N, C-alpha and C. Protein backbone atom coordinates (compact mmCIF):
# COMPACT_ATOMS: atom_id res chain seq x y z
N UNK A 1 105.92 112.47 119.23
CA UNK A 1 106.80 111.66 118.41
C UNK A 1 108.09 111.30 119.16
N UNK A 2 108.28 111.86 120.33
CA UNK A 2 109.46 111.48 121.10
C UNK A 2 109.43 109.98 121.41
N UNK A 3 108.24 109.43 121.60
CA UNK A 3 108.09 108.00 121.85
C UNK A 3 108.60 107.20 120.65
N UNK A 4 108.23 107.62 119.44
CA UNK A 4 108.69 106.94 118.22
C UNK A 4 110.21 106.96 118.16
N UNK A 5 110.80 108.10 118.41
CA UNK A 5 112.26 108.24 118.35
C UNK A 5 112.92 107.33 119.38
N UNK A 6 112.43 107.36 120.59
CA UNK A 6 113.03 106.58 121.68
C UNK A 6 112.91 105.07 121.44
N UNK A 7 111.76 104.62 120.99
CA UNK A 7 111.50 103.19 120.84
C UNK A 7 111.94 102.60 119.51
N UNK A 8 112.01 103.40 118.45
CA UNK A 8 112.20 102.83 117.12
C UNK A 8 113.41 103.33 116.34
N UNK A 9 114.14 104.33 116.85
CA UNK A 9 115.30 104.83 116.11
C UNK A 9 116.58 104.69 116.91
N UNK A 10 117.67 104.42 116.21
CA UNK A 10 119.00 104.46 116.80
C UNK A 10 119.82 105.47 116.01
N UNK A 11 120.99 105.80 116.51
CA UNK A 11 121.88 106.75 115.84
C UNK A 11 121.15 108.04 115.48
N UNK A 12 120.37 108.55 116.42
CA UNK A 12 119.52 109.71 116.19
C UNK A 12 120.34 110.99 116.06
N UNK A 13 120.00 111.77 115.04
CA UNK A 13 120.56 113.11 114.85
C UNK A 13 119.39 114.07 114.86
N UNK A 14 119.40 114.97 115.82
CA UNK A 14 118.30 115.92 115.96
C UNK A 14 118.41 117.00 114.89
N UNK A 15 117.28 117.54 114.49
CA UNK A 15 117.26 118.52 113.40
C UNK A 15 117.78 119.89 113.81
N UNK A 16 118.15 120.65 112.79
CA UNK A 16 118.47 122.05 113.01
C UNK A 16 117.14 122.80 113.15
N UNK A 17 117.17 124.01 113.68
CA UNK A 17 115.90 124.76 113.81
C UNK A 17 115.16 124.94 112.49
N UNK A 18 115.87 124.99 111.38
CA UNK A 18 115.22 125.17 110.07
C UNK A 18 114.44 123.92 109.64
N UNK A 19 114.88 122.76 110.06
CA UNK A 19 114.21 121.49 109.72
C UNK A 19 113.66 120.85 110.98
N UNK A 20 112.90 121.57 111.74
CA UNK A 20 112.53 121.12 113.08
C UNK A 20 111.72 119.83 113.16
N UNK A 21 111.18 119.32 112.06
CA UNK A 21 110.41 118.07 112.11
C UNK A 21 111.16 116.88 111.51
N UNK A 22 112.30 117.11 110.89
CA UNK A 22 113.03 116.03 110.23
C UNK A 22 114.13 115.48 111.13
N UNK A 23 113.87 114.31 111.72
CA UNK A 23 114.83 113.66 112.60
C UNK A 23 115.51 112.55 111.81
N UNK A 24 116.81 112.45 111.95
CA UNK A 24 117.59 111.45 111.22
C UNK A 24 117.91 110.29 112.15
N UNK A 25 117.86 109.06 111.61
CA UNK A 25 118.21 107.90 112.40
C UNK A 25 118.04 106.61 111.62
N UNK A 26 118.36 105.49 112.31
CA UNK A 26 118.24 104.16 111.74
C UNK A 26 117.06 103.47 112.43
N UNK A 27 116.17 102.88 111.67
CA UNK A 27 115.00 102.19 112.20
C UNK A 27 115.43 100.87 112.82
N UNK A 28 115.26 100.73 114.13
CA UNK A 28 115.70 99.54 114.87
C UNK A 28 115.10 98.26 114.30
N UNK A 29 115.93 97.26 114.15
CA UNK A 29 115.51 95.91 113.76
C UNK A 29 114.74 95.85 112.43
N UNK A 30 114.80 96.89 111.64
CA UNK A 30 114.08 96.90 110.36
C UNK A 30 114.99 97.28 109.20
N UNK A 31 115.71 98.36 109.37
CA UNK A 31 116.56 98.87 108.31
C UNK A 31 117.94 99.12 108.89
N UNK A 32 118.96 99.07 108.06
CA UNK A 32 120.29 99.38 108.55
C UNK A 32 120.81 100.65 107.88
N UNK A 33 119.93 101.39 107.27
CA UNK A 33 120.29 102.61 106.57
C UNK A 33 119.75 103.82 107.34
N UNK A 34 120.52 104.89 107.31
CA UNK A 34 120.15 106.12 107.98
C UNK A 34 119.22 106.94 107.08
N UNK A 35 118.05 107.34 107.60
CA UNK A 35 117.09 108.14 106.83
C UNK A 35 116.65 109.33 107.66
N UNK A 36 116.13 110.35 106.96
CA UNK A 36 115.47 111.46 107.63
C UNK A 36 113.98 111.16 107.65
N UNK A 37 113.39 111.31 108.83
CA UNK A 37 111.97 111.01 109.03
C UNK A 37 111.22 112.31 109.30
N UNK A 38 110.18 112.56 108.54
CA UNK A 38 109.31 113.71 108.77
C UNK A 38 108.34 113.32 109.88
N UNK A 39 108.48 113.96 111.04
CA UNK A 39 107.66 113.64 112.20
C UNK A 39 106.62 114.71 112.49
N UNK A 40 106.30 115.50 111.49
CA UNK A 40 105.30 116.55 111.64
C UNK A 40 103.99 115.95 112.14
N UNK A 41 103.32 116.58 113.11
CA UNK A 41 102.08 116.00 113.64
C UNK A 41 100.90 116.13 112.68
N UNK A 42 99.90 115.32 112.91
CA UNK A 42 98.65 115.39 112.16
C UNK A 42 97.76 116.42 112.86
N UNK A 43 97.20 117.34 112.08
CA UNK A 43 96.29 118.35 112.62
C UNK A 43 95.02 118.34 111.79
N UNK A 44 93.89 118.30 112.48
CA UNK A 44 92.58 118.29 111.80
C UNK A 44 92.49 117.14 110.80
N UNK A 45 92.99 115.96 111.20
CA UNK A 45 92.98 114.76 110.36
C UNK A 45 93.75 114.92 109.06
N UNK A 46 94.72 115.85 109.05
CA UNK A 46 95.54 116.06 107.85
C UNK A 46 97.00 116.19 108.24
N UNK A 47 97.84 115.77 107.34
CA UNK A 47 99.28 115.97 107.49
C UNK A 47 99.74 116.71 106.25
N UNK A 48 100.25 117.89 106.45
CA UNK A 48 100.66 118.75 105.35
C UNK A 48 102.12 118.47 105.03
N UNK A 49 102.45 118.40 103.77
CA UNK A 49 103.82 118.20 103.33
C UNK A 49 104.08 119.00 102.08
N UNK A 50 105.29 118.89 101.56
CA UNK A 50 105.62 119.58 100.32
C UNK A 50 106.66 118.78 99.55
N UNK A 51 106.76 119.05 98.27
CA UNK A 51 107.67 118.30 97.40
C UNK A 51 109.14 118.63 97.63
N UNK A 52 109.43 119.71 98.33
CA UNK A 52 110.81 120.10 98.57
C UNK A 52 111.36 119.58 99.90
N UNK A 53 110.66 118.69 100.54
CA UNK A 53 111.10 118.17 101.82
C UNK A 53 112.45 117.47 101.70
N UNK A 54 113.23 117.52 102.76
CA UNK A 54 114.51 116.81 102.80
C UNK A 54 114.34 115.43 103.43
N UNK A 55 113.15 115.16 103.97
CA UNK A 55 112.88 113.86 104.59
C UNK A 55 112.75 112.79 103.52
N UNK A 56 113.15 111.57 103.89
CA UNK A 56 113.04 110.44 102.97
C UNK A 56 111.87 109.53 103.34
N UNK A 57 111.42 109.63 104.58
CA UNK A 57 110.28 108.85 105.07
C UNK A 57 109.36 109.77 105.84
N UNK A 58 108.07 109.48 105.82
CA UNK A 58 107.08 110.22 106.59
C UNK A 58 106.48 109.27 107.61
N UNK A 59 106.37 109.72 108.85
CA UNK A 59 105.80 108.92 109.93
C UNK A 59 104.43 109.49 110.31
N UNK A 60 103.42 108.63 110.29
CA UNK A 60 102.08 108.99 110.72
C UNK A 60 101.82 108.32 112.06
N UNK A 61 101.40 109.08 113.04
CA UNK A 61 101.08 108.58 114.37
C UNK A 61 99.57 108.39 114.42
N UNK A 62 99.12 107.15 114.18
CA UNK A 62 97.70 106.84 114.08
C UNK A 62 97.32 105.81 115.13
N UNK A 63 96.38 106.16 115.99
CA UNK A 63 95.87 105.27 117.03
C UNK A 63 96.99 104.54 117.77
N UNK A 64 97.10 103.25 117.60
CA UNK A 64 98.08 102.45 118.34
C UNK A 64 99.24 102.00 117.46
N UNK A 65 99.54 102.78 116.42
CA UNK A 65 100.61 102.38 115.51
C UNK A 65 101.27 103.59 114.85
N UNK A 66 102.45 103.34 114.35
CA UNK A 66 103.17 104.31 113.53
C UNK A 66 103.20 103.75 112.12
N UNK A 67 102.84 104.56 111.15
CA UNK A 67 102.86 104.14 109.76
C UNK A 67 103.93 104.97 109.06
N UNK A 68 104.87 104.28 108.42
CA UNK A 68 105.99 104.94 107.75
C UNK A 68 105.87 104.70 106.25
N UNK A 69 105.89 105.78 105.48
CA UNK A 69 105.83 105.67 104.03
C UNK A 69 107.04 106.36 103.40
N UNK A 70 107.39 105.92 102.22
CA UNK A 70 108.51 106.48 101.49
C UNK A 70 108.09 107.77 100.78
N UNK A 71 108.82 108.84 101.01
CA UNK A 71 108.47 110.14 100.45
C UNK A 71 108.51 110.14 98.93
N UNK A 72 109.56 109.59 98.35
CA UNK A 72 109.68 109.59 96.89
C UNK A 72 108.53 108.83 96.23
N UNK A 73 108.18 107.69 96.79
CA UNK A 73 107.07 106.91 96.23
C UNK A 73 105.75 107.65 96.40
N UNK A 74 105.56 108.29 97.55
CA UNK A 74 104.35 109.07 97.78
C UNK A 74 104.25 110.23 96.78
N UNK A 75 105.33 110.95 96.59
CA UNK A 75 105.32 112.06 95.64
C UNK A 75 105.02 111.58 94.22
N UNK A 76 105.61 110.46 93.83
CA UNK A 76 105.35 109.89 92.50
C UNK A 76 103.87 109.53 92.35
N UNK A 77 103.30 108.94 93.38
CA UNK A 77 101.87 108.58 93.36
C UNK A 77 101.00 109.83 93.19
N UNK A 78 101.32 110.88 93.95
CA UNK A 78 100.54 112.12 93.88
C UNK A 78 100.62 112.74 92.49
N UNK A 79 101.81 112.74 91.91
CA UNK A 79 102.00 113.32 90.57
C UNK A 79 101.28 112.50 89.50
N UNK A 80 101.45 111.18 89.55
CA UNK A 80 100.83 110.31 88.54
C UNK A 80 99.32 110.37 88.59
N UNK A 81 98.76 110.47 89.78
CA UNK A 81 97.30 110.48 89.94
C UNK A 81 96.71 111.88 89.99
N UNK A 82 97.59 112.89 89.91
CA UNK A 82 97.17 114.29 89.90
C UNK A 82 96.21 114.62 91.04
N UNK A 83 96.64 114.23 92.25
CA UNK A 83 95.85 114.50 93.45
C UNK A 83 96.71 115.26 94.46
N UNK A 84 96.04 116.03 95.30
CA UNK A 84 96.72 116.76 96.36
C UNK A 84 96.44 116.17 97.74
N UNK A 85 95.35 115.44 97.85
CA UNK A 85 94.95 114.84 99.11
C UNK A 85 94.67 113.36 98.90
N UNK A 86 95.07 112.54 99.88
CA UNK A 86 94.80 111.11 99.82
C UNK A 86 94.41 110.62 101.20
N UNK A 87 93.66 109.54 101.22
CA UNK A 87 93.30 108.87 102.46
C UNK A 87 94.41 107.88 102.78
N UNK A 88 94.95 107.92 103.97
CA UNK A 88 96.08 107.07 104.33
C UNK A 88 95.75 105.59 104.18
N UNK A 89 94.58 105.17 104.60
CA UNK A 89 94.18 103.77 104.48
C UNK A 89 94.17 103.30 103.04
N UNK A 90 93.65 104.13 102.14
CA UNK A 90 93.64 103.79 100.72
C UNK A 90 95.05 103.80 100.15
N UNK A 91 95.85 104.74 100.60
CA UNK A 91 97.20 104.90 100.09
C UNK A 91 98.08 103.69 100.38
N UNK A 92 97.96 103.11 101.54
CA UNK A 92 98.82 101.99 101.93
C UNK A 92 98.70 100.80 100.98
N UNK A 93 97.53 100.57 100.46
CA UNK A 93 97.36 99.45 99.54
C UNK A 93 97.93 99.76 98.16
N UNK A 94 98.20 101.03 97.88
CA UNK A 94 98.69 101.42 96.57
C UNK A 94 100.20 101.65 96.52
N UNK A 95 100.83 101.77 97.68
CA UNK A 95 102.28 101.98 97.73
C UNK A 95 102.97 100.66 98.02
N UNK A 96 104.15 100.48 97.43
CA UNK A 96 104.91 99.26 97.67
C UNK A 96 105.69 99.31 98.97
N UNK A 97 106.19 100.51 99.34
CA UNK A 97 107.07 100.62 100.50
C UNK A 97 106.32 101.30 101.64
N UNK A 98 105.98 100.55 102.66
CA UNK A 98 105.46 101.12 103.89
C UNK A 98 105.71 100.13 105.02
N UNK A 99 105.83 100.67 106.21
CA UNK A 99 106.07 99.86 107.41
C UNK A 99 105.06 100.31 108.45
N UNK A 100 104.43 99.34 109.11
CA UNK A 100 103.51 99.64 110.20
C UNK A 100 104.12 99.06 111.47
N UNK A 101 104.33 99.94 112.45
CA UNK A 101 104.92 99.53 113.73
C UNK A 101 103.92 99.76 114.85
N UNK A 102 103.75 98.79 115.73
CA UNK A 102 102.85 99.01 116.87
C UNK A 102 103.52 99.94 117.88
N UNK A 103 102.70 100.70 118.57
CA UNK A 103 103.23 101.49 119.68
C UNK A 103 103.42 100.52 120.84
N UNK A 104 104.58 100.54 121.40
CA UNK A 104 104.88 99.58 122.47
C UNK A 104 104.80 100.28 123.80
């Protein structure tokens, strides 16, 4: 995820050891607001998260792109649909806020 940070974030604030996956910054040429991004890696085709996260956006590193989704909207979707697991491809069509960035 260092590539994502270097290529797509400005005003980067590195996390404390307690929040080692949540990097804060501004998304270059897309947003002018500072957000915390959950950069936790995908393991075994899954990305584990929790409702108490301090991150506002989640970044998925998939093939040749980064997919960014809004944490609050994702949590609302999970609660409304009473699901614990979702397929990212299916999820993107159901969420209003997501950004897909190519790896450069």
